[in-house]
C-alpha atoms as a PDB file:
ATOM      1  CA  MET A   1       9.641  -4.570 -28.903  1.00  0.00           C
ATOM      2  CA  LEU A   2       7.021  -1.857 -29.494  1.00  0.00           C
ATOM      3  CA  VAL A   3       8.961   0.490 -27.211  1.00  0.00           C
ATOM      4  CA  ILE A   4      12.091   0.003 -29.318  1.00  0.00           C
ATOM      5  CA  VAL A   5      10.095   0.638 -32.492  1.00  0.00           C
ATOM      6  CA  GLY A   6       8.688   3.827 -30.974  1.00  0.00           C
ATOM      7  CA  LEU A   7      12.133   5.048 -29.933  1.00  0.00           C
ATOM      8  CA  VAL A   8      13.464   4.374 -33.441  1.00  0.00           C
ATOM      9  CA  VAL A   9      10.564   6.354 -34.932  1.00  0.00           C
ATOM     10  CA  VAL A  10      11.270   9.292 -32.609  1.00  0.00           C
ATOM     11  CA  MET A  11      14.968   9.261 -33.383  1.00  0.00           C
ATOM     12  CA  GLY A  12      14.276   8.899 -37.090  1.00  0.00           C
ATOM     13  CA  CYS A  13      11.572  11.537 -37.478  1.00  0.00           C
ATOM     14  CA  VAL A  14      12.960  14.338 -35.311  1.00  0.00           C
ATOM     15  CA  PRO A  15      16.508  14.572 -36.723  1.00  0.00           C
ATOM     16  CA  GLY A  16      15.216  13.396 -40.112  1.00  0.00           C
ATOM     17  CA  GLY A  17      12.658  16.171 -40.309  1.00  0.00           C
ATOM     18  CA  TYR A  18      15.283  18.686 -39.192  1.00  0.00           C
ATOM     19  CA  VAL A  19      17.672  17.581 -41.955  1.00  0.00           C
ATOM     20  CA  ALA A  20      14.862  17.519 -44.526  1.00  0.00           C
ATOM     21  CA  MET A  21      14.134  21.186 -43.966  1.00  0.00           C
ATOM     22  CA  GLY A  22      17.790  22.098 -44.451  1.00  0.00           C
ATOM     23  CA  GLY A  23      19.207  21.823 -40.942  1.00  0.00           C
ATOM     24  CA  LYS A  24      22.706  20.571 -40.234  1.00  0.00           C
ATOM     25  CA  LEU A  25      23.105  17.699 -37.761  1.00  0.00           C
ATOM     26  CA  ALA A  26      26.491  18.998 -36.653  1.00  0.00           C
ATOM     27  CA  VAL A  27      24.745  21.898 -34.901  1.00  0.00           C
ATOM     28  CA  LEU A  28      22.837  19.434 -32.698  1.00  0.00           C
ATOM     29  CA  MET A  29      26.031  17.754 -31.550  1.00  0.00           C
ATOM     30  CA  GLN A  30      26.421  19.561 -28.235  1.00  0.00           C
ATOM     31  CA  PRO A  31      27.824  16.961 -25.812  1.00  0.00           C
ATOM     32  CA  PHE A  32      28.250  19.385 -22.910  1.00  0.00           C
ATOM     33  CA  GLU A  33      24.601  20.436 -23.127  1.00  0.00           C
ATOM     34  CA  LEU A  34      23.709  16.749 -22.829  1.00  0.00           C
ATOM     35  CA  VAL A  35      26.112  16.352 -19.887  1.00  0.00           C
ATOM     36  CA  ILE A  36      24.423  19.238 -18.060  1.00  0.00           C
ATOM     37  CA  ILE A  37      20.895  17.956 -18.667  1.00  0.00           C
ATOM     38  CA  GLY A  38      21.624  14.248 -18.191  1.00  0.00           C
ATOM     39  CA  GLY A  39      23.865  14.797 -15.175  1.00  0.00           C
ATOM     40  CA  ALA A  40      21.362  17.070 -13.459  1.00  0.00           C
ATOM     41  CA  GLY A  41      18.557  14.597 -14.216  1.00  0.00           C
ATOM     42  CA  LEU A  42      20.558  11.683 -12.804  1.00  0.00           C
ATOM     43  CA  GLY A  43      21.497  13.688  -9.726  1.00  0.00           C
ATOM     44  CA  ALA A  44      17.891  14.692  -9.148  1.00  0.00           C
ATOM     45  CA  PHE A  45      16.842  11.041  -9.514  1.00  0.00           C
ATOM     46  CA  ILE A  46      19.368  10.019  -6.843  1.00  0.00           C
ATOM     47  CA  ILE A  47      18.258  12.810  -4.512  1.00  0.00           C
ATOM     48  CA  GLY A  48      14.563  12.100  -4.887  1.00  0.00           C
ATOM     49  CA  ASN A  49      14.522   8.313  -4.470  1.00  0.00           C
ATOM     50  CA  THR A  50      15.506   5.660  -1.966  1.00  0.00           C
ATOM     51  CA  LYS A  51      18.040   2.936  -2.637  1.00  0.00           C
ATOM     52  CA  PRO A  52      15.393   0.179  -3.098  1.00  0.00           C
ATOM     53  CA  VAL A  53      13.591   2.286  -5.713  1.00  0.00           C
ATOM     54  CA  MET A  54      16.843   2.931  -7.593  1.00  0.00           C
ATOM     55  CA  LYS A  55      17.665  -0.793  -7.567  1.00  0.00           C
ATOM     56  CA  ARG A  56      14.272  -1.688  -8.997  1.00  0.00           C
ATOM     57  CA  ALA A  57      14.376   1.070 -11.621  1.00  0.00           C
ATOM     58  CA  GLY A  58      16.863  -0.790 -13.829  1.00  0.00           C
ATOM     59  CA  GLY A  59      14.743  -3.922 -13.828  1.00  0.00           C
ATOM     60  CA  ALA A  60      11.638  -1.866 -14.507  1.00  0.00           C
ATOM     61  CA  PHE A  61      13.235  -0.353 -17.614  1.00  0.00           C
ATOM     62  CA  LYS A  62      14.030  -3.856 -18.882  1.00  0.00           C
ATOM     63  CA  SER A  63      10.407  -4.866 -18.317  1.00  0.00           C
ATOM     64  CA  VAL A  64       9.285  -1.919 -20.442  1.00  0.00           C
ATOM     65  CA  LEU A  65      11.469  -3.105 -23.325  1.00  0.00           C
ATOM     66  CA  LYS A  66      10.153  -6.667 -23.052  1.00  0.00           C
ATOM     67  CA  GLY A  67       6.521  -5.790 -22.304  1.00  0.00           C
ATOM     68  CA  PRO A  68       4.270  -7.667 -19.839  1.00  0.00           C
ATOM     69  CA  LYS A  69       5.900 -10.963 -18.920  1.00  0.00           C
ATOM     70  CA  TYR A  70       2.659 -12.943 -18.636  1.00  0.00           C
ATOM     71  CA  THR A  71       1.170 -14.385 -21.807  1.00  0.00           C
ATOM     72  CA  LYS A  72      -2.075 -16.203 -22.472  1.00  0.00           C
ATOM     73  CA  ALA A  73      -0.252 -19.518 -21.944  1.00  0.00           C
ATOM     74  CA  ASP A  74       0.888 -18.351 -18.487  1.00  0.00           C
ATOM     75  CA  TYR A  75      -2.691 -17.600 -17.498  1.00  0.00           C
ATOM     76  CA  VAL A  76      -3.995 -20.917 -18.826  1.00  0.00           C
ATOM     77  CA  GLU A  77      -1.396 -22.665 -16.684  1.00  0.00           C
ATOM     78  CA  LEU A  78      -2.293 -20.540 -13.652  1.00  0.00           C
ATOM     79  CA  LEU A  79      -5.994 -21.343 -14.010  1.00  0.00           C
ATOM     80  CA  CYS A  80      -5.172 -25.032 -14.284  1.00  0.00           C
ATOM     81  CA  LEU A  81      -3.093 -24.789 -11.112  1.00  0.00           C
ATOM     82  CA  LEU A  82      -5.905 -23.068  -9.237  1.00  0.00           C
ATOM     83  CA  TYR A  83      -8.352 -25.724 -10.422  1.00  0.00           C
ATOM     84  CA  THR A  84      -5.996 -28.479  -9.239  1.00  0.00           C
ATOM     85  CA  VAL A  85      -5.507 -26.812  -5.846  1.00  0.00           C
ATOM     86  CA  PHE A  86      -9.221 -26.255  -5.298  1.00  0.00           C
ATOM     87  CA  ARG A  87     -10.097 -29.790  -6.415  1.00  0.00           C
ATOM     88  CA  LEU A  88      -7.494 -31.257  -4.069  1.00  0.00           C
ATOM     89  CA  ALA A  89      -8.816 -29.195  -1.166  1.00  0.00           C
ATOM     90  CA  LYS A  90     -12.390 -30.163  -2.020  1.00  0.00           C
ATOM     91  CA  THR A  91     -11.777 -33.882  -2.244  1.00  0.00           C
ATOM     92  CA  LYS A  92      -9.102 -34.446   0.399  1.00  0.00           C
ATOM     93  CA  GLY A  93      -9.444 -31.433   2.675  1.00  0.00           C
ATOM     94  CA  MET A  94      -7.383 -28.302   3.288  1.00  0.00           C
ATOM     95  CA  LEU A  95      -4.799 -30.145   5.407  1.00  0.00           C
ATOM     96  CA  GLU A  96      -3.780 -32.068   2.287  1.00  0.00           C
ATOM     97  CA  LEU A  97      -2.330 -28.816   0.951  1.00  0.00           C
ATOM     98  CA  GLU A  98      -0.086 -28.257   3.960  1.00  0.00           C
ATOM     99  CA  GLN A  99       2.829 -30.335   2.668  1.00  0.00           C
ATOM    100  CA  HIS A 100       2.790 -28.407  -0.618  1.00  0.00           C
ATOM    101  CA  VAL A 101       2.484 -24.998   1.011  1.00  0.00           C
ATOM    102  CA  GLU A 102       5.349 -25.521   3.471  1.00  0.00           C
ATOM    103  CA  ASN A 103       7.809 -26.686   0.791  1.00  0.00           C
ATOM    104  CA  PRO A 104       6.542 -25.217  -2.482  1.00  0.00           C
ATOM    105  CA  HIS A 105       9.830 -25.665  -4.339  1.00  0.00           C
ATOM    106  CA  GLU A 106       9.788 -29.390  -3.598  1.00  0.00           C
ATOM    107  CA  SER A 107       6.065 -29.778  -4.177  1.00  0.00           C
ATOM    108  CA  GLN A 108       4.984 -32.075  -6.999  1.00  0.00           C
ATOM    109  CA  LEU A 109       1.768 -30.048  -7.210  1.00  0.00           C
ATOM    110  CA  PHE A 110       3.515 -26.761  -7.994  1.00  0.00           C
ATOM    111  CA  ASN A 111       6.311 -28.296 -10.052  1.00  0.00           C
ATOM    112  CA  ASN A 112       3.703 -29.691 -12.428  1.00  0.00           C
ATOM    113  CA  PHE A 113       3.183 -26.047 -13.442  1.00  0.00           C
ATOM    114  CA  PRO A 114       6.729 -24.778 -14.199  1.00  0.00           C
ATOM    115  CA  ARG A 115       5.838 -21.224 -15.251  1.00  0.00           C
ATOM    116  CA  PHE A 116       4.092 -20.622 -11.964  1.00  0.00           C
ATOM    117  CA  ALA A 117       6.754 -22.431  -9.927  1.00  0.00           C
ATOM    118  CA  ALA A 118       9.432 -20.137 -11.386  1.00  0.00           C
ATOM    119  CA  ASP A 119       7.588 -16.999 -10.237  1.00  0.00           C
ATOM    120  CA  HIS A 120       8.747 -16.421  -6.669  1.00  0.00           C
ATOM    121  CA  HIS A 121       6.249 -13.654  -5.868  1.00  0.00           C
ATOM    122  CA  ALA A 122       3.267 -15.598  -7.178  1.00  0.00           C
ATOM    123  CA  VAL A 123       4.266 -18.771  -5.313  1.00  0.00           C
ATOM    124  CA  GLU A 124       4.707 -16.825  -2.104  1.00  0.00           C
ATOM    125  CA  PHE A 125       1.385 -15.018  -2.557  1.00  0.00           C
ATOM    126  CA  LEU A 126      -0.630 -18.191  -3.146  1.00  0.00           C
ATOM    127  CA  CYS A 127       1.123 -20.208  -0.443  1.00  0.00           C
ATOM    128  CA  ASP A 128       0.633 -17.497   2.187  1.00  0.00           C
ATOM    129  CA  TYR A 129      -3.136 -17.567   1.740  1.00  0.00           C
ATOM    130  CA  LEU A 130      -3.361 -21.328   1.385  1.00  0.00           C
ATOM    131  CA  ARG A 131      -1.428 -21.548   4.650  1.00  0.00           C
ATOM    132  CA  LEU A 132      -4.044 -19.347   6.307  1.00  0.00           C
ATOM    133  CA  LEU A 133      -6.730 -21.694   5.013  1.00  0.00           C
ATOM    134  CA  THR A 134      -4.958 -24.735   6.455  1.00  0.00           C
ATOM    135  CA  LEU A 135      -4.844 -22.899   9.792  1.00  0.00           C
ATOM    136  CA  GLY A 136      -8.618 -22.467   9.715  1.00  0.00           C
ATOM    137  CA  SER A 137      -8.979 -18.863   8.484  1.00  0.00           C
ATOM    138  CA  GLU A 138     -11.841 -19.241   6.019  1.00  0.00           C
ATOM    139  CA  ASN A 139     -13.717 -15.934   6.357  1.00  0.00           C
ATOM    140  CA  PRO A 140     -14.012 -14.534   2.793  1.00  0.00           C
ATOM    141  CA  GLN A 141     -14.400 -10.915   3.915  1.00  0.00           C
ATOM    142  CA  GLU A 142     -11.322 -10.992   6.149  1.00  0.00           C
ATOM    143  CA  MET A 143      -9.310 -12.780   3.475  1.00  0.00           C
ATOM    144  CA  GLU A 144     -10.337 -10.240   0.843  1.00  0.00           C
ATOM    145  CA  SER A 145      -9.304  -7.324   3.092  1.00  0.00           C
ATOM    146  CA  LEU A 146      -5.931  -8.931   3.708  1.00  0.00           C
ATOM    147  CA  MET A 147      -5.370  -9.609   0.013  1.00  0.00           C
ATOM    148  CA  ASP A 148      -6.377  -6.072  -0.896  1.00  0.00           C
ATOM    149  CA  ALA A 149      -3.874  -4.688   1.624  1.00  0.00           C
ATOM    150  CA  GLU A 150      -1.052  -6.781   0.175  1.00  0.00           C
ATOM    151  CA  LEU A 151      -1.931  -5.984  -3.429  1.00  0.00           C
ATOM    152  CA  GLU A 152      -2.134  -2.293  -2.572  1.00  0.00           C
ATOM    153  CA  THR A 153       1.394  -2.516  -1.155  1.00  0.00           C
ATOM    154  CA  HIS A 154       2.600  -4.098  -4.412  1.00  0.00           C
ATOM    155  CA  HIS A 155       0.834  -1.331  -6.330  1.00  0.00           C
ATOM    156  CA  GLU A 156       2.472   1.387  -4.232  1.00  0.00           C
ATOM    157  CA  GLU A 157       5.927  -0.135  -4.752  1.00  0.00           C
ATOM    158  CA  ASP A 158       5.356  -0.256  -8.496  1.00  0.00           C
ATOM    159  CA  HIS A 159       4.004   3.299  -8.482  1.00  0.00           C
ATOM    160  CA  GLN A 160       7.181   4.557  -6.801  1.00  0.00           C
ATOM    161  CA  ILE A 161       9.249   3.485  -9.813  1.00  0.00           C
ATOM    162  CA  GLN A 162       6.783   4.799 -12.369  1.00  0.00           C
ATOM    163  CA  SER A 163       6.442   8.072 -10.466  1.00  0.00           C
ATOM    164  CA  SER A 164      10.221   8.536 -10.282  1.00  0.00           C
ATOM    165  CA  MET A 165      10.503   8.196 -14.078  1.00  0.00           C
ATOM    166  CA  GLN A 166       7.586  10.542 -14.640  1.00  0.00           C
ATOM    167  CA  THR A 167       9.202  13.085 -12.298  1.00  0.00           C
ATOM    168  CA  MET A 168      12.373  12.941 -14.387  1.00  0.00           C
ATOM    169  CA  ALA A 169      10.312  13.476 -17.532  1.00  0.00           C
ATOM    170  CA  ASP A 170       8.594  16.481 -15.959  1.00  0.00           C
ATOM    171  CA  GLY A 171      11.938  17.963 -14.951  1.00  0.00           C
ATOM    172  CA  PHE A 172      13.856  17.636 -18.217  1.00  0.00           C
ATOM    173  CA  PRO A 173      12.286  20.682 -19.964  1.00  0.00           C
ATOM    174  CA  ALA A 174      13.371  22.871 -17.044  1.00  0.00           C
ATOM    175  CA  LEU A 175      16.835  21.309 -17.028  1.00  0.00           C
ATOM    176  CA  GLY A 176      16.999  22.018 -20.759  1.00  0.00           C
ATOM    177  CA  ILE A 177      16.365  25.682 -19.974  1.00  0.00           C
ATOM    178  CA  VAL A 178      19.181  25.557 -17.407  1.00  0.00           C
ATOM    179  CA  ALA A 179      21.553  24.253 -20.077  1.00  0.00           C
ATOM    180  CA  ALA A 180      20.312  26.908 -22.533  1.00  0.00           C
ATOM    181  CA  VAL A 181      20.811  29.697 -19.999  1.00  0.00           C
ATOM    182  CA  LEU A 182      24.352  28.540 -19.339  1.00  0.00           C
ATOM    183  CA  GLY A 183      24.921  28.535 -23.091  1.00  0.00           C
ATOM    184  CA  VAL A 184      23.611  32.109 -23.323  1.00  0.00           C
ATOM    185  CA  ILE A 185      25.927  33.144 -20.478  1.00  0.00           C
ATOM    186  CA  LYS A 186      28.821  31.670 -22.412  1.00  0.00           C
ATOM    187  CA  THR A 187      27.632  33.512 -25.523  1.00  0.00           C
ATOM    188  CA  MET A 188      27.514  36.840 -23.676  1.00  0.00           C
ATOM    189  CA  GLY A 189      31.183  36.402 -22.924  1.00  0.00           C
ATOM    190  CA  SER A 190      31.815  36.456 -26.659  1.00  0.00           C
ATOM    191  CA  ILE A 191      29.525  39.389 -27.497  1.00  0.00           C
ATOM    192  CA  ASP A 192      32.327  41.144 -29.384  1.00  0.00           C
ATOM    193  CA  GLN A 193      32.589  38.299 -31.903  1.00  0.00           C
ATOM    194  CA  PRO A 194      31.148  38.566 -35.455  1.00  0.00           C
ATOM    195  CA  PRO A 195      27.532  37.440 -36.123  1.00  0.00           C
ATOM    196  CA  SER A 196      28.650  34.143 -37.633  1.00  0.00           C
ATOM    197  CA  VAL A 197      30.339  33.148 -34.365  1.00  0.00           C
ATOM    198  CA  LEU A 198      27.510  34.449 -32.176  1.00  0.00           C
ATOM    199  CA  GLY A 199      24.957  32.598 -34.280  1.00  0.00           C
ATOM    200  CA  LYS A 200      26.783  29.324 -33.726  1.00  0.00           C
ATOM    201  CA  LEU A 201      27.005  29.946 -29.980  1.00  0.00           C
ATOM    202  CA  ILE A 202      23.327  30.895 -29.668  1.00  0.00           C
ATOM    203  CA  GLY A 203      22.294  27.874 -31.737  1.00  0.00           C
ATOM    204  CA  GLY A 204      24.335  25.637 -29.435  1.00  0.00           C
ATOM    205  CA  ALA A 205      22.656  27.159 -26.398  1.00  0.00           C
ATOM    206  CA  LEU A 206      19.177  26.547 -27.819  1.00  0.00           C
ATOM    207  CA  VAL A 207      20.051  22.885 -28.328  1.00  0.00           C
ATOM    208  CA  GLY A 208      19.795  22.561 -24.540  1.00  0.00           C
ATOM    209  CA  THR A 209      16.105  23.496 -24.619  1.00  0.00           C
ATOM    210  CA  PHE A 210      15.572  21.134 -27.541  1.00  0.00           C
ATOM    211  CA  LEU A 211      17.243  18.200 -25.788  1.00  0.00           C
ATOM    212  CA  GLY A 212      15.331  18.776 -22.553  1.00  0.00           C
ATOM    213  CA  ILE A 213      11.970  18.767 -24.297  1.00  0.00           C
ATOM    214  CA  LEU A 214      12.892  15.776 -26.494  1.00  0.00           C
ATOM    215  CA  LEU A 215      14.053  13.704 -23.519  1.00  0.00           C
ATOM    216  CA  ALA A 216      10.884  14.592 -21.609  1.00  0.00           C
ATOM    217  CA  TYR A 217       8.208  13.993 -24.237  1.00  0.00           C
ATOM    218  CA  GLY A 218      10.023  11.687 -26.640  1.00  0.00           C
ATOM    219  CA  PHE A 219      11.646   9.284 -24.185  1.00  0.00           C
ATOM    220  CA  PHE A 220      11.105   9.408 -20.427  1.00  0.00           C
ATOM    221  CA  GLY A 221       7.443  10.427 -20.481  1.00  0.00           C
ATOM    222  CA  PRO A 222       6.420   7.601 -22.844  1.00  0.00           C
ATOM    223  CA  VAL A 223       8.633   5.137 -20.960  1.00  0.00           C
ATOM    224  CA  ALA A 224       6.914   6.081 -17.683  1.00  0.00           C
ATOM    225  CA  ALA A 225       3.502   5.582 -19.325  1.00  0.00           C
ATOM    226  CA  ALA A 226       4.576   2.218 -20.798  1.00  0.00           C
ATOM    227  CA  LEU A 227       5.909   1.132 -17.418  1.00  0.00           C
ATOM    228  CA  LYS A 228       2.587   1.965 -15.777  1.00  0.00           C
ATOM    229  CA  MET A 229       0.653  -0.117 -18.309  1.00  0.00           C
ATOM    230  CA  THR A 230       3.125  -3.001 -18.005  1.00  0.00           C
ATOM    231  CA  GLN A 231       2.876  -3.013 -14.218  1.00  0.00           C
ATOM    232  CA  GLU A 232      -0.918  -2.872 -14.329  1.00  0.00           C
ATOM    233  CA  ALA A 233      -1.010  -5.782 -16.788  1.00  0.00           C
ATOM    234  CA  GLU A 234       1.339  -7.879 -14.661  1.00  0.00           C
ATOM    235  CA  SER A 235      -0.642  -7.128 -11.490  1.00  0.00           C
ATOM    236  CA  LYS A 236      -3.528  -9.114 -12.996  1.00  0.00           C
ATOM    237  CA  TYR A 237      -1.596 -12.316 -12.325  1.00  0.00           C
ATOM    238  CA  LEU A 238      -1.955 -11.915  -8.564  1.00  0.00           C
ATOM    239  CA  GLY A 239      -5.438 -10.484  -9.069  1.00  0.00           C
ATOM    240  CA  CYS A 240      -6.392 -13.690 -10.865  1.00  0.00           C
ATOM    241  CA  ILE A 241      -5.240 -15.740  -7.869  1.00  0.00           C
ATOM    242  CA  LYS A 242      -7.227 -13.482  -5.558  1.00  0.00           C
ATOM    243  CA  GLY A 243     -10.416 -13.840  -7.609  1.00  0.00           C
ATOM    244  CA  GLY A 244     -10.199 -17.627  -7.631  1.00  0.00           C
ATOM    245  CA  MET A 245      -9.373 -17.899  -3.937  1.00  0.00           C
ATOM    246  CA  LEU A 246     -12.270 -15.694  -2.845  1.00  0.00           C
ATOM    247  CA  ALA A 247     -14.725 -17.542  -5.077  1.00  0.00           C
ATOM    248  CA  TYR A 248     -13.630 -20.863  -3.597  1.00  0.00           C
ATOM    249  CA  LEU A 249     -13.941 -19.478  -0.055  1.00  0.00           C
ATOM    250  CA  ASN A 250     -17.481 -18.397  -0.860  1.00  0.00           C
ATOM    251  CA  GLY A 251     -18.366 -22.016  -1.502  1.00  0.00           C
ATOM    252  CA  TYR A 252     -18.203 -22.272  -5.288  1.00  0.00           C
ATOM    253  CA  PRO A 253     -16.971 -25.550  -6.818  1.00  0.00           C
ATOM    254  CA  PRO A 254     -13.459 -25.557  -8.347  1.00  0.00           C
ATOM    255  CA  ALA A 255     -14.620 -25.095 -11.942  1.00  0.00           C
ATOM    256  CA  VAL A 256     -16.764 -22.087 -11.048  1.00  0.00           C
ATOM    257  CA  ALA A 257     -14.039 -20.574  -8.831  1.00  0.00           C
ATOM    258  CA  VAL A 258     -11.627 -20.787 -11.767  1.00  0.00           C
ATOM    259  CA  GLU A 259     -14.186 -18.984 -13.939  1.00  0.00           C
ATOM    260  CA  PHE A 260     -14.212 -16.118 -11.408  1.00  0.00           C
ATOM    261  CA  ALA A 261     -10.426 -16.004 -11.714  1.00  0.00           C
ATOM    262  CA  ARG A 262     -10.572 -16.032 -15.525  1.00  0.00           C
ATOM    263  CA  LYS A 263     -12.938 -13.059 -15.605  1.00  0.00           C
ATOM    264  CA  ALA A 264     -10.351 -10.951 -13.745  1.00  0.00           C
ATOM    265  CA  LEU A 265      -7.978 -11.069 -16.727  1.00  0.00           C
ATOM    266  CA  MET A 266      -7.550  -8.526 -19.493  1.00  0.00           C
ATOM    267  CA  SER A 267      -9.168  -9.463 -22.787  1.00  0.00           C
ATOM    268  CA  ASP A 268      -5.927  -9.748 -24.788  1.00  0.00           C
ATOM    269  CA  VAL A 269      -4.603 -12.556 -22.557  1.00  0.00           C
ATOM    270  CA  ARG A 270      -7.869 -14.037 -21.256  1.00  0.00           C
ATOM    271  CA  PRO A 271      -8.428 -17.617 -22.471  1.00  0.00           C
ATOM    272  CA  THR A 272     -11.924 -18.637 -23.442  1.00  0.00           C
ATOM    273  CA  PHE A 273     -14.124 -20.776 -21.221  1.00  0.00           C
ATOM    274  CA  ALA A 274     -13.669 -23.709 -23.600  1.00  0.00           C
ATOM    275  CA  GLU A 275      -9.872 -23.349 -23.581  1.00  0.00           C
ATOM    276  CA  VAL A 276      -9.778 -23.365 -19.788  1.00  0.00           C
ATOM    277  CA  GLU A 277     -12.167 -26.311 -19.592  1.00  0.00           C
ATOM    278  CA  GLU A 278     -10.040 -28.327 -21.996  1.00  0.00           C
ATOM    279  CA  ALA A 279      -6.812 -27.413 -20.182  1.00  0.00           C
ATOM    280  CA  THR A 280      -8.185 -28.289 -16.736  1.00  0.00           C
ATOM    281  CA  GLN A 281      -9.362 -31.683 -17.982  1.00  0.00           C
ATOM    282  CA  GLU A 282      -5.788 -32.385 -19.117  1.00  0.00           C
ATOM    283  CA  ALA A 283      -4.154 -30.885 -16.012  1.00  0.00           C
ATOM    284  CA  PRO A 284      -1.800 -33.234 -14.129  1.00  0.00           C
ATOM    285  CA  THR A 285      -3.059 -34.621 -10.836  1.00  0.00           C
ATOM    286  CA  VAL A 286      -1.185 -35.170  -7.596  1.00  0.00           C
END
């Protein structure tokens, strides 16, 4: 929502300020300048990225418009799930988790926490490491290294999308100059025309530079920055699972392990200790 508000402000203030100082909007209506800049930008995006990155780019733009998908309620539920998992492992042993890990979508344990169960990546991440625990891999240092490697891969995949948008933003001013130069070339072909005609042609050519800079710093640059912050915020969900898992592996009781997980969250979505304690006491059991 904030992204939409920001875009509305940009589109309101830039043309609005131009009109307020006496400019005419009709001069800015240069569709072919936009075709040159937008087409070249799209072509460059296709050239510079792989098919998987291009497929994920559309979804990433939607995530920017919606903002981070995890709310405080999602994290409270996740912490309750971790507490339930750790308590079950503590009281009945790691092998008790095997039936849930092998068929997570049919597991009563996971289905008691619907927000988590609907997140394919989070379910897969947790189940992979719980499966390692059921197989006897309980070395905290080795587990941490493995988790870090997987999370770094997720980070690199996210960075590819953010970097591709930032590259487009960096290129638009230059593409605006390309459009302006082509406009000047067209103008030079009409050099024998009266000043009133030449002025209109030169003004149209300069719109290319204007559009390139506006697209770069008013749209794609901010969108790339918003995407980076959104991805970093969402990465805390898996980071929360990692923090809890490592604390449990180091021998802490379930309630303390969940506190380690809670501390990994950003302050705007981090529930208080009392909120987590109350939620875990009311968490469903298996």
